[in-house]
């Protein structure tokens, strides 16, 4: 099942699981099924993130053209609050965000197309996140926006002072100083 969110093109994907006496099986990605729902991306890279502690914040990240990335995110252990922010200049939802709780238990996935910043906060220790990307990692194209920027106003469900951040994320640009490489078409 693929559901729309409050942000155009960001979608919640709930794979259909088949269970029997042996265990369970699902397709986490099927190009034909996704295309029926307007997702035509072809994925180029898979990533696996492990966060030891709850309150670990990763993001808000994006890659600019020519290596802009769409992502398909899922959790295989633990729980995250996953967030997408529209950073497409000229979009009616520019600077707006949506969040979805993803967990190993609920088995939901979030599809975040290029033109959106992405981040998450872990709600449990030892959280493992897998995500597919539509382009390769290109450090010269990466960008970061401050996770707790008041202009965006994301409710992460934690006190920002309790967030565990990388050095890169702690030094991220605020939204007011941000110049988007994306234009809404």
N, C-alpha and C. Protein backbone atom coordinates (compact mmCIF):
# COMPACT_ATOMS: atom_id res chain seq x y z
N UNK A 1 0.85 -1.17 0.00
CA UNK A 1 0.00 0.00 0.00
C UNK A 1 0.90 1.24 0.00
N UNK A 2 0.58 2.21 -0.84
CA UNK A 2 1.33 3.45 -0.92
C UNK A 2 0.36 4.60 -0.66
N UNK A 3 0.68 5.42 0.36
CA UNK A 3 -0.20 6.51 0.78
C UNK A 3 0.48 7.86 0.58
N UNK A 4 -0.32 8.85 0.24
CA UNK A 4 0.15 10.23 0.12
C UNK A 4 0.39 10.81 1.51
N UNK A 5 1.22 11.85 1.57
CA UNK A 5 1.41 12.61 2.81
C UNK A 5 1.00 14.05 2.54
N UNK A 6 1.16 14.90 3.52
CA UNK A 6 0.83 16.32 3.36
C UNK A 6 1.78 17.03 2.40
N UNK A 7 2.92 16.42 2.08
CA UNK A 7 3.87 17.00 1.12
C UNK A 7 3.77 16.23 -0.20
N UNK A 8 3.53 16.95 -1.30
CA UNK A 8 3.45 16.28 -2.59
C UNK A 8 4.71 15.45 -2.87
N UNK A 9 4.51 14.27 -3.36
CA UNK A 9 5.57 13.36 -3.79
C UNK A 9 6.23 12.57 -2.66
N UNK A 10 6.08 12.97 -1.39
CA UNK A 10 6.58 12.18 -0.27
C UNK A 10 5.49 11.17 0.07
N UNK A 11 5.85 9.89 0.12
CA UNK A 11 4.84 8.84 0.29
C UNK A 11 5.22 7.84 1.37
N UNK A 12 4.21 7.32 2.05
CA UNK A 12 4.39 6.24 3.01
C UNK A 12 4.10 4.93 2.29
N UNK A 13 5.05 4.01 2.39
CA UNK A 13 4.93 2.71 1.73
C UNK A 13 4.82 1.64 2.81
N UNK A 14 3.75 0.85 2.75
CA UNK A 14 3.59 -0.26 3.69
C UNK A 14 3.57 -1.55 2.86
N UNK A 15 4.70 -2.26 2.83
CA UNK A 15 4.76 -3.48 2.02
C UNK A 15 3.78 -4.55 2.53
N UNK A 16 3.33 -5.35 1.62
CA UNK A 16 2.46 -6.47 1.97
C UNK A 16 3.34 -7.64 2.42
N UNK A 17 3.06 -8.14 3.61
CA UNK A 17 3.83 -9.24 4.17
C UNK A 17 3.06 -10.54 4.03
N UNK A 18 3.81 -11.62 3.75
CA UNK A 18 3.24 -12.95 3.66
C UNK A 18 3.87 -13.78 4.78
N UNK A 19 3.03 -14.33 5.63
CA UNK A 19 3.53 -15.09 6.78
C UNK A 19 3.01 -16.52 6.73
N UNK A 20 3.85 -17.44 7.16
CA UNK A 20 3.45 -18.82 7.33
C UNK A 20 4.28 -19.44 8.45
N UNK A 21 4.24 -20.73 8.58
CA UNK A 21 4.93 -21.42 9.68
C UNK A 21 6.45 -21.22 9.65
N UNK A 22 7.02 -20.82 8.51
CA UNK A 22 8.46 -20.62 8.40
C UNK A 22 8.90 -19.24 8.84
N UNK A 23 7.97 -18.26 8.75
CA UNK A 23 8.32 -16.88 9.06
C UNK A 23 7.55 -15.93 8.17
N UNK A 24 8.25 -14.96 7.57
CA UNK A 24 7.56 -13.95 6.76
C UNK A 24 8.42 -13.52 5.58
N UNK A 25 7.75 -12.93 4.59
CA UNK A 25 8.41 -12.45 3.38
C UNK A 25 7.66 -11.22 2.88
N UNK A 26 8.41 -10.27 2.30
CA UNK A 26 7.79 -9.13 1.63
C UNK A 26 8.72 -8.60 0.56
N UNK A 27 8.14 -7.85 -0.38
CA UNK A 27 8.92 -7.08 -1.34
C UNK A 27 9.02 -5.67 -0.80
N UNK A 28 10.23 -5.21 -0.52
CA UNK A 28 10.39 -3.84 -0.03
C UNK A 28 10.41 -2.84 -1.17
N UNK A 29 10.70 -3.32 -2.38
CA UNK A 29 10.69 -2.46 -3.55
C UNK A 29 10.36 -3.29 -4.78
N UNK A 30 9.43 -2.78 -5.59
CA UNK A 30 9.08 -3.40 -6.85
C UNK A 30 8.88 -2.25 -7.83
N UNK A 31 9.73 -2.15 -8.82
CA UNK A 31 9.72 -1.00 -9.74
C UNK A 31 8.35 -0.81 -10.40
N UNK A 32 7.71 -1.88 -10.82
CA UNK A 32 6.41 -1.80 -11.48
C UNK A 32 5.33 -1.28 -10.52
N UNK A 33 5.30 -1.79 -9.32
CA UNK A 33 4.33 -1.34 -8.32
C UNK A 33 4.53 0.13 -7.98
N UNK A 34 5.78 0.53 -7.78
CA UNK A 34 6.06 1.93 -7.46
C UNK A 34 5.65 2.84 -8.62
N UNK A 35 5.91 2.43 -9.85
CA UNK A 35 5.56 3.25 -11.02
C UNK A 35 4.05 3.47 -11.10
N UNK A 36 3.26 2.49 -10.69
CA UNK A 36 1.80 2.65 -10.67
C UNK A 36 1.37 3.80 -9.75
N UNK A 37 2.24 4.14 -8.80
CA UNK A 37 1.94 5.21 -7.83
C UNK A 37 2.78 6.46 -8.10
N UNK A 38 3.34 6.56 -9.31
CA UNK A 38 4.04 7.77 -9.70
C UNK A 38 5.48 7.86 -9.24
N UNK A 39 6.04 6.76 -8.75
CA UNK A 39 7.44 6.74 -8.32
C UNK A 39 8.23 6.00 -9.40
N UNK A 40 9.00 6.77 -10.18
CA UNK A 40 9.73 6.20 -11.31
C UNK A 40 11.23 6.12 -11.05
N UNK A 41 11.67 6.47 -9.86
CA UNK A 41 13.09 6.47 -9.55
C UNK A 41 13.72 5.10 -9.71
N UNK A 42 14.97 5.11 -10.12
CA UNK A 42 15.78 3.90 -10.18
C UNK A 42 16.86 4.08 -9.11
N UNK A 43 16.98 3.12 -8.23
CA UNK A 43 17.91 3.24 -7.12
C UNK A 43 19.30 2.76 -7.51
N UNK A 44 20.33 3.50 -7.01
CA UNK A 44 21.72 3.26 -7.37
C UNK A 44 22.59 2.79 -6.21
N UNK A 45 22.14 3.02 -4.98
CA UNK A 45 22.99 2.74 -3.82
C UNK A 45 22.11 2.38 -2.64
N UNK A 46 22.56 1.43 -1.82
CA UNK A 46 21.89 1.09 -0.57
C UNK A 46 22.79 1.45 0.60
N UNK A 47 22.20 2.03 1.66
CA UNK A 47 22.95 2.42 2.86
C UNK A 47 22.34 1.76 4.09
N UNK A 48 23.18 1.55 5.10
CA UNK A 48 22.77 0.94 6.36
C UNK A 48 23.35 1.78 7.49
N UNK A 49 22.48 2.34 8.32
CA UNK A 49 22.90 3.19 9.44
C UNK A 49 22.56 2.49 10.75
N UNK A 50 23.51 2.51 11.69
CA UNK A 50 23.28 1.97 13.04
C UNK A 50 23.53 3.09 14.03
N UNK A 51 22.55 3.33 14.90
CA UNK A 51 22.69 4.34 15.95
C UNK A 51 22.59 3.65 17.30
N UNK A 52 23.63 3.80 18.12
CA UNK A 52 23.69 3.11 19.40
C UNK A 52 22.71 3.65 20.42
N UNK A 53 22.47 4.97 20.40
CA UNK A 53 21.66 5.60 21.45
C UNK A 53 20.37 6.19 20.91
N UNK A 54 19.36 6.22 21.77
CA UNK A 54 18.14 6.97 21.46
C UNK A 54 18.51 8.45 21.42
N UNK A 55 17.72 9.25 20.70
CA UNK A 55 17.92 10.70 20.53
C UNK A 55 19.07 11.04 19.58
N UNK A 56 19.54 10.07 18.81
CA UNK A 56 20.52 10.36 17.78
C UNK A 56 19.79 10.98 16.60
N UNK A 57 20.23 12.18 16.20
CA UNK A 57 19.62 12.87 15.07
C UNK A 57 20.59 12.82 13.90
N UNK A 58 20.09 12.39 12.77
CA UNK A 58 20.86 12.37 11.53
C UNK A 58 20.10 13.24 10.53
N UNK A 59 20.67 14.39 10.20
CA UNK A 59 20.01 15.27 9.25
C UNK A 59 19.89 16.67 9.79
N UNK A 60 19.35 17.44 8.99
CA UNK A 60 18.63 17.30 7.74
C UNK A 60 19.62 17.32 6.58
N UNK A 61 19.63 16.27 5.78
CA UNK A 61 20.59 16.10 4.70
C UNK A 61 19.92 16.11 3.34
N UNK A 62 20.69 16.49 2.33
CA UNK A 62 20.27 16.40 0.93
C UNK A 62 21.52 16.39 0.07
N UNK A 63 21.35 15.98 -1.18
CA UNK A 63 22.41 16.12 -2.18
C UNK A 63 21.87 16.96 -3.32
N UNK A 64 22.67 17.94 -3.74
CA UNK A 64 22.29 18.85 -4.81
C UNK A 64 22.57 18.22 -6.17
N UNK A 65 21.92 18.72 -7.22
CA UNK A 65 22.26 18.28 -8.57
C UNK A 65 23.73 18.56 -8.85
N UNK A 66 24.42 17.77 -9.62
CA UNK A 66 23.88 16.73 -10.49
C UNK A 66 23.75 15.37 -9.81
N UNK A 67 23.93 15.30 -8.51
CA UNK A 67 23.82 14.02 -7.80
C UNK A 67 22.71 14.05 -6.76
N UNK A 68 21.61 14.74 -7.07
CA UNK A 68 20.46 14.79 -6.16
C UNK A 68 19.96 13.37 -5.90
N UNK A 69 19.53 13.13 -4.66
CA UNK A 69 19.11 11.78 -4.28
C UNK A 69 17.66 11.76 -3.80
N UNK A 70 16.91 10.81 -4.32
CA UNK A 70 15.67 10.38 -3.70
C UNK A 70 16.02 9.23 -2.79
N UNK A 71 15.19 8.97 -1.77
CA UNK A 71 15.50 7.91 -0.81
C UNK A 71 14.24 7.10 -0.48
N UNK A 72 14.44 5.84 -0.22
CA UNK A 72 13.40 4.95 0.30
C UNK A 72 13.94 4.38 1.61
N UNK A 73 13.32 4.80 2.73
CA UNK A 73 13.86 4.54 4.07
C UNK A 73 13.01 3.52 4.80
N UNK A 74 13.68 2.58 5.48
CA UNK A 74 12.97 1.63 6.34
C UNK A 74 13.83 1.28 7.55
N UNK A 75 13.19 0.81 8.60
CA UNK A 75 13.86 0.45 9.85
C UNK A 75 13.80 -1.06 10.02
N UNK A 76 14.95 -1.68 10.32
CA UNK A 76 14.98 -3.13 10.54
C UNK A 76 15.18 -3.48 12.01
N UNK A 77 15.56 -2.49 12.83
CA UNK A 77 15.65 -2.69 14.29
C UNK A 77 15.41 -1.33 14.94
N UNK A 78 14.49 -1.29 15.89
CA UNK A 78 14.24 -0.05 16.61
C UNK A 78 13.14 0.80 16.01
N UNK A 79 13.18 2.10 16.35
CA UNK A 79 12.14 3.05 15.96
C UNK A 79 12.78 4.40 15.66
N UNK A 80 12.31 5.07 14.58
CA UNK A 80 12.74 6.43 14.28
C UNK A 80 11.52 7.30 13.98
N UNK A 81 11.69 8.59 14.20
CA UNK A 81 10.78 9.57 13.64
C UNK A 81 11.50 10.09 12.40
N UNK A 82 10.94 9.80 11.23
CA UNK A 82 11.56 10.15 9.96
C UNK A 82 10.92 11.43 9.45
N UNK A 83 11.75 12.36 8.94
CA UNK A 83 11.28 13.70 8.57
C UNK A 83 11.75 14.05 7.16
N UNK A 84 10.85 14.66 6.39
CA UNK A 84 11.18 15.21 5.07
C UNK A 84 10.75 16.67 5.05
N UNK A 85 11.62 17.54 4.49
CA UNK A 85 11.34 18.97 4.37
C UNK A 85 11.43 19.36 2.91
N UNK A 86 10.41 20.03 2.40
CA UNK A 86 10.40 20.49 1.01
C UNK A 86 11.38 21.65 0.88
N UNK A 87 12.41 21.48 0.05
CA UNK A 87 13.39 22.56 -0.18
C UNK A 87 13.41 22.96 -1.66
N UNK A 88 12.28 22.80 -2.33
CA UNK A 88 12.15 23.18 -3.73
C UNK A 88 11.63 24.61 -3.81
N UNK A 89 12.53 25.55 -4.18
CA UNK A 89 12.14 26.97 -4.32
C UNK A 89 10.93 27.07 -5.24
N UNK A 90 9.94 27.85 -4.84
CA UNK A 90 8.75 28.06 -5.64
C UNK A 90 7.63 27.08 -5.37
N UNK A 91 7.89 26.03 -4.60
CA UNK A 91 6.85 25.07 -4.24
C UNK A 91 5.91 25.71 -3.22
N UNK A 92 4.63 25.38 -3.30
CA UNK A 92 3.68 25.93 -2.32
C UNK A 92 3.93 25.35 -0.92
N UNK A 93 4.70 24.27 -0.84
CA UNK A 93 5.01 23.69 0.47
C UNK A 93 6.49 23.89 0.85
N UNK A 94 7.15 24.86 0.21
CA UNK A 94 8.56 25.15 0.51
C UNK A 94 8.73 25.43 2.01
N UNK A 95 9.68 24.72 2.63
CA UNK A 95 9.96 24.89 4.05
C UNK A 95 9.02 24.13 4.97
N UNK A 96 8.04 23.45 4.41
CA UNK A 96 7.10 22.63 5.21
C UNK A 96 7.69 21.24 5.39
N UNK A 97 7.25 20.57 6.44
CA UNK A 97 7.79 19.25 6.75
C UNK A 97 6.67 18.26 7.04
N UNK A 98 7.03 17.00 6.95
CA UNK A 98 6.15 15.91 7.33
C UNK A 98 7.01 14.90 8.08
N UNK A 99 6.40 14.23 9.07
CA UNK A 99 7.12 13.19 9.81
C UNK A 99 6.28 11.93 9.88
N UNK A 100 6.98 10.80 9.92
CA UNK A 100 6.33 9.49 9.98
C UNK A 100 7.14 8.62 10.94
N UNK A 101 6.46 7.92 11.82
CA UNK A 101 7.12 6.98 12.71
C UNK A 101 7.36 5.69 11.94
N UNK A 102 8.63 5.32 11.81
CA UNK A 102 9.01 4.07 11.15
C UNK A 102 9.62 3.14 12.19
N UNK A 103 9.24 1.88 12.14
CA UNK A 103 9.79 0.93 13.11
C UNK A 103 9.91 -0.45 12.48
N UNK A 104 10.70 -1.28 13.13
CA UNK A 104 10.80 -2.67 12.70
C UNK A 104 9.43 -3.34 12.85
N UNK A 105 8.67 -2.89 13.83
CA UNK A 105 7.35 -3.47 14.10
C UNK A 105 6.30 -3.07 13.07
N UNK A 106 6.21 -1.77 12.75
CA UNK A 106 5.14 -1.35 11.82
C UNK A 106 5.52 -1.56 10.36
N UNK A 107 6.80 -1.78 10.08
CA UNK A 107 7.30 -2.14 8.76
C UNK A 107 7.00 -1.12 7.67
N UNK A 108 6.71 0.11 8.06
CA UNK A 108 6.45 1.16 7.07
C UNK A 108 7.77 1.67 6.51
N UNK A 109 7.69 2.25 5.31
CA UNK A 109 8.83 2.88 4.66
C UNK A 109 8.41 4.28 4.27
N UNK A 110 9.40 5.17 4.11
CA UNK A 110 9.10 6.52 3.64
C UNK A 110 9.88 6.76 2.36
N UNK A 111 9.17 7.19 1.32
CA UNK A 111 9.80 7.58 0.06
C UNK A 111 9.94 9.09 0.07
N UNK A 112 11.20 9.56 -0.06
CA UNK A 112 11.52 11.00 -0.08
C UNK A 112 12.22 11.29 -1.40
N UNK A 113 11.57 12.02 -2.31
CA UNK A 113 12.20 12.29 -3.60
C UNK A 113 13.29 13.35 -3.50
N UNK A 114 14.06 13.50 -4.55
CA UNK A 114 15.04 14.59 -4.64
C UNK A 114 14.28 15.91 -4.51
N UNK A 115 14.94 16.90 -3.91
CA UNK A 115 14.29 18.19 -3.69
C UNK A 115 13.75 18.34 -2.29
N UNK A 116 13.99 17.34 -1.47
CA UNK A 116 13.57 17.36 -0.07
C UNK A 116 14.78 17.07 0.81
N UNK A 117 14.89 17.77 1.93
CA UNK A 117 15.90 17.43 2.93
C UNK A 117 15.32 16.29 3.77
N UNK A 118 16.19 15.43 4.26
CA UNK A 118 15.76 14.26 5.02
C UNK A 118 16.54 14.14 6.32
N UNK A 119 15.87 13.70 7.36
CA UNK A 119 16.54 13.43 8.62
C UNK A 119 15.68 12.54 9.49
N UNK A 120 16.29 12.02 10.54
CA UNK A 120 15.52 11.22 11.50
C UNK A 120 16.14 11.32 12.87
N UNK A 121 15.31 10.99 13.88
CA UNK A 121 15.77 10.88 15.25
C UNK A 121 15.42 9.47 15.73
N UNK A 122 16.38 8.82 16.39
CA UNK A 122 16.13 7.48 16.91
C UNK A 122 15.34 7.59 18.20
N UNK A 123 14.37 6.71 18.35
CA UNK A 123 13.53 6.69 19.56
C UNK A 123 13.93 5.55 20.49
N UNK A 124 14.78 4.66 20.00
CA UNK A 124 15.24 3.52 20.79
C UNK A 124 16.74 3.33 20.57
N UNK A 125 17.42 2.71 21.52
CA UNK A 125 18.83 2.40 21.29
C UNK A 125 18.96 1.29 20.23
N UNK A 126 20.16 1.19 19.67
CA UNK A 126 20.48 0.13 18.70
C UNK A 126 19.50 0.09 17.53
N UNK A 127 19.26 1.25 16.96
CA UNK A 127 18.34 1.37 15.83
C UNK A 127 19.11 1.20 14.53
N UNK A 128 18.55 0.40 13.62
CA UNK A 128 19.17 0.18 12.32
C UNK A 128 18.22 0.62 11.22
N UNK A 129 18.76 1.48 10.34
CA UNK A 129 17.98 2.05 9.26
C UNK A 129 18.63 1.66 7.93
N UNK A 130 17.81 1.19 7.00
CA UNK A 130 18.27 0.88 5.65
C UNK A 130 17.60 1.87 4.71
N UNK A 131 18.37 2.39 3.75
CA UNK A 131 17.74 3.25 2.76
C UNK A 131 18.41 3.12 1.41
N UNK A 132 17.55 3.14 0.41
CA UNK A 132 17.97 3.09 -0.98
C UNK A 132 18.07 4.52 -1.47
N UNK A 133 19.05 4.80 -2.33
CA UNK A 133 19.27 6.15 -2.88
C UNK A 133 19.26 6.09 -4.40
N UNK A 134 18.75 7.15 -5.00
CA UNK A 134 18.64 7.19 -6.47
C UNK A 134 19.92 7.64 -7.16
N UNK A 135 20.91 8.07 -6.38
CA UNK A 135 22.21 8.43 -6.95
C UNK A 135 23.28 8.05 -5.93
N UNK A 136 24.51 8.02 -6.38
CA UNK A 136 25.63 7.68 -5.51
C UNK A 136 25.94 8.82 -4.56
N UNK A 137 26.62 8.52 -3.47
CA UNK A 137 27.07 9.55 -2.55
C UNK A 137 28.13 10.40 -3.23
N UNK A 138 27.92 11.71 -3.21
CA UNK A 138 28.87 12.65 -3.81
C UNK A 138 29.11 13.77 -2.79
N UNK A 139 30.20 13.68 -2.02
CA UNK A 139 30.43 14.65 -0.95
C UNK A 139 30.45 16.10 -1.42
N UNK A 140 30.86 16.35 -2.66
CA UNK A 140 30.89 17.73 -3.16
C UNK A 140 29.48 18.29 -3.38
N UNK A 141 28.46 17.44 -3.35
CA UNK A 141 27.08 17.87 -3.57
C UNK A 141 26.23 17.83 -2.30
N UNK A 142 26.81 17.37 -1.20
CA UNK A 142 25.98 17.22 0.00
C UNK A 142 25.73 18.55 0.68
N UNK A 143 24.58 18.63 1.32
CA UNK A 143 24.19 19.80 2.08
C UNK A 143 23.48 19.40 3.36
N UNK A 144 23.50 20.30 4.31
CA UNK A 144 22.88 20.05 5.61
C UNK A 144 22.17 21.31 6.08
N UNK A 145 20.99 21.14 6.62
CA UNK A 145 20.23 22.22 7.23
C UNK A 145 20.04 21.88 8.71
N UNK A 146 20.14 22.87 9.54
CA UNK A 146 20.03 22.69 11.00
C UNK A 146 18.72 21.97 11.36
N UNK A 147 18.82 20.88 12.11
CA UNK A 147 17.65 20.06 12.44
C UNK A 147 16.63 20.80 13.29
N UNK A 148 17.10 21.71 14.14
CA UNK A 148 16.20 22.39 15.09
C UNK A 148 15.96 23.85 14.69
N UNK A 149 16.06 24.13 13.41
CA UNK A 149 15.86 25.49 12.94
C UNK A 149 14.45 25.96 13.28
N UNK A 150 14.32 27.11 13.96
CA UNK A 150 12.99 27.58 14.37
C UNK A 150 12.10 27.99 13.20
N UNK A 151 12.68 28.38 12.08
CA UNK A 151 11.88 28.78 10.92
C UNK A 151 11.13 27.58 10.33
N UNK A 152 11.75 26.40 10.37
CA UNK A 152 11.08 25.19 9.90
C UNK A 152 10.16 24.66 11.00
N UNK A 153 10.66 24.60 12.23
CA UNK A 153 9.83 24.24 13.39
C UNK A 153 9.44 22.78 13.49
N UNK A 154 10.35 21.89 13.18
CA UNK A 154 10.06 20.45 13.27
C UNK A 154 9.91 20.04 14.73
N UNK A 155 8.86 19.27 15.01
CA UNK A 155 8.67 18.67 16.34
C UNK A 155 9.29 17.28 16.31
N UNK A 156 10.50 17.18 16.83
CA UNK A 156 11.23 15.91 16.83
C UNK A 156 10.81 15.00 17.98
N UNK A 157 10.04 15.53 18.91
CA UNK A 157 9.62 14.73 20.06
C UNK A 157 10.70 14.58 21.11
N UNK A 158 11.75 15.41 21.01
CA UNK A 158 12.82 15.41 22.01
C UNK A 158 13.21 16.85 22.30
N UNK A 159 13.86 17.06 23.42
CA UNK A 159 14.44 18.36 23.71
C UNK A 159 15.68 18.49 22.81
N UNK A 160 15.79 19.57 22.03
CA UNK A 160 16.95 19.71 21.14
C UNK A 160 18.29 19.60 21.86
N UNK A 161 18.33 19.97 23.13
CA UNK A 161 19.57 19.85 23.90
C UNK A 161 19.97 18.41 24.17
N UNK A 162 19.02 17.48 24.02
CA UNK A 162 19.31 16.06 24.24
C UNK A 162 19.74 15.34 22.96
N UNK A 163 19.72 16.05 21.84
CA UNK A 163 20.05 15.44 20.56
C UNK A 163 21.53 15.08 20.49
N UNK A 164 21.81 13.90 19.99
CA UNK A 164 23.18 13.45 19.74
C UNK A 164 23.44 13.69 18.26
N UNK A 165 24.40 14.58 17.97
CA UNK A 165 24.65 15.02 16.60
C UNK A 165 26.08 14.73 16.16
N UNK A 166 26.27 14.58 14.87
CA UNK A 166 27.62 14.55 14.31
C UNK A 166 28.14 15.98 14.31
N UNK A 167 29.45 16.15 14.15
CA UNK A 167 30.02 17.50 14.05
C UNK A 167 29.42 18.25 12.87
N UNK A 168 29.24 17.55 11.75
CA UNK A 168 28.68 18.18 10.54
C UNK A 168 27.27 18.70 10.82
N UNK A 169 26.44 17.89 11.47
CA UNK A 169 25.06 18.31 11.74
C UNK A 169 25.00 19.43 12.78
N UNK A 170 25.93 19.42 13.74
CA UNK A 170 25.96 20.48 14.75
C UNK A 170 26.33 21.83 14.14
N UNK A 171 27.05 21.82 13.02
CA UNK A 171 27.48 23.07 12.36
C UNK A 171 26.61 23.42 11.16
N UNK A 172 25.47 22.77 11.01
CA UNK A 172 24.63 22.95 9.83
C UNK A 172 24.09 24.37 9.71
N UNK A 173 23.80 24.76 8.49
CA UNK A 173 23.24 26.07 8.15
C UNK A 173 21.80 26.18 8.61
N UNK A 174 21.42 27.37 9.07
CA UNK A 174 20.03 27.64 9.38
C UNK A 174 19.24 27.87 8.11
N UNK A 175 17.93 27.74 8.18
CA UNK A 175 17.09 27.84 6.99
C UNK A 175 17.09 29.25 6.40
N UNK A 176 17.18 30.27 7.23
CA UNK A 176 17.17 31.66 6.73
C UNK A 176 18.38 31.93 5.83
N UNK A 177 19.51 31.27 6.10
CA UNK A 177 20.72 31.47 5.30
C UNK A 177 20.84 30.45 4.16
N UNK A 178 19.89 29.56 4.08
CA UNK A 178 19.93 28.47 3.11
C UNK A 178 19.55 28.97 1.72
N UNK A 179 20.34 28.56 0.72
CA UNK A 179 20.04 28.86 -0.67
C UNK A 179 19.81 27.52 -1.37
N UNK A 180 18.59 27.26 -1.75
CA UNK A 180 18.24 25.96 -2.29
C UNK A 180 18.77 25.76 -3.71
N UNK A 181 19.33 24.56 -3.98
CA UNK A 181 19.74 24.23 -5.34
C UNK A 181 18.60 23.64 -6.16
N UNK A 182 17.39 23.57 -5.56
CA UNK A 182 16.24 22.95 -6.22
C UNK A 182 15.18 24.00 -6.55
N UNK A 183 14.61 23.89 -7.74
CA UNK A 183 13.53 24.77 -8.16
C UNK A 183 12.32 23.90 -8.49
N UNK A 184 11.17 24.27 -7.96
CA UNK A 184 9.95 23.53 -8.21
C UNK A 184 9.55 23.64 -9.67
N UNK A 185 9.28 22.52 -10.29
CA UNK A 185 8.93 22.53 -11.73
C UNK A 185 7.44 22.33 -11.92
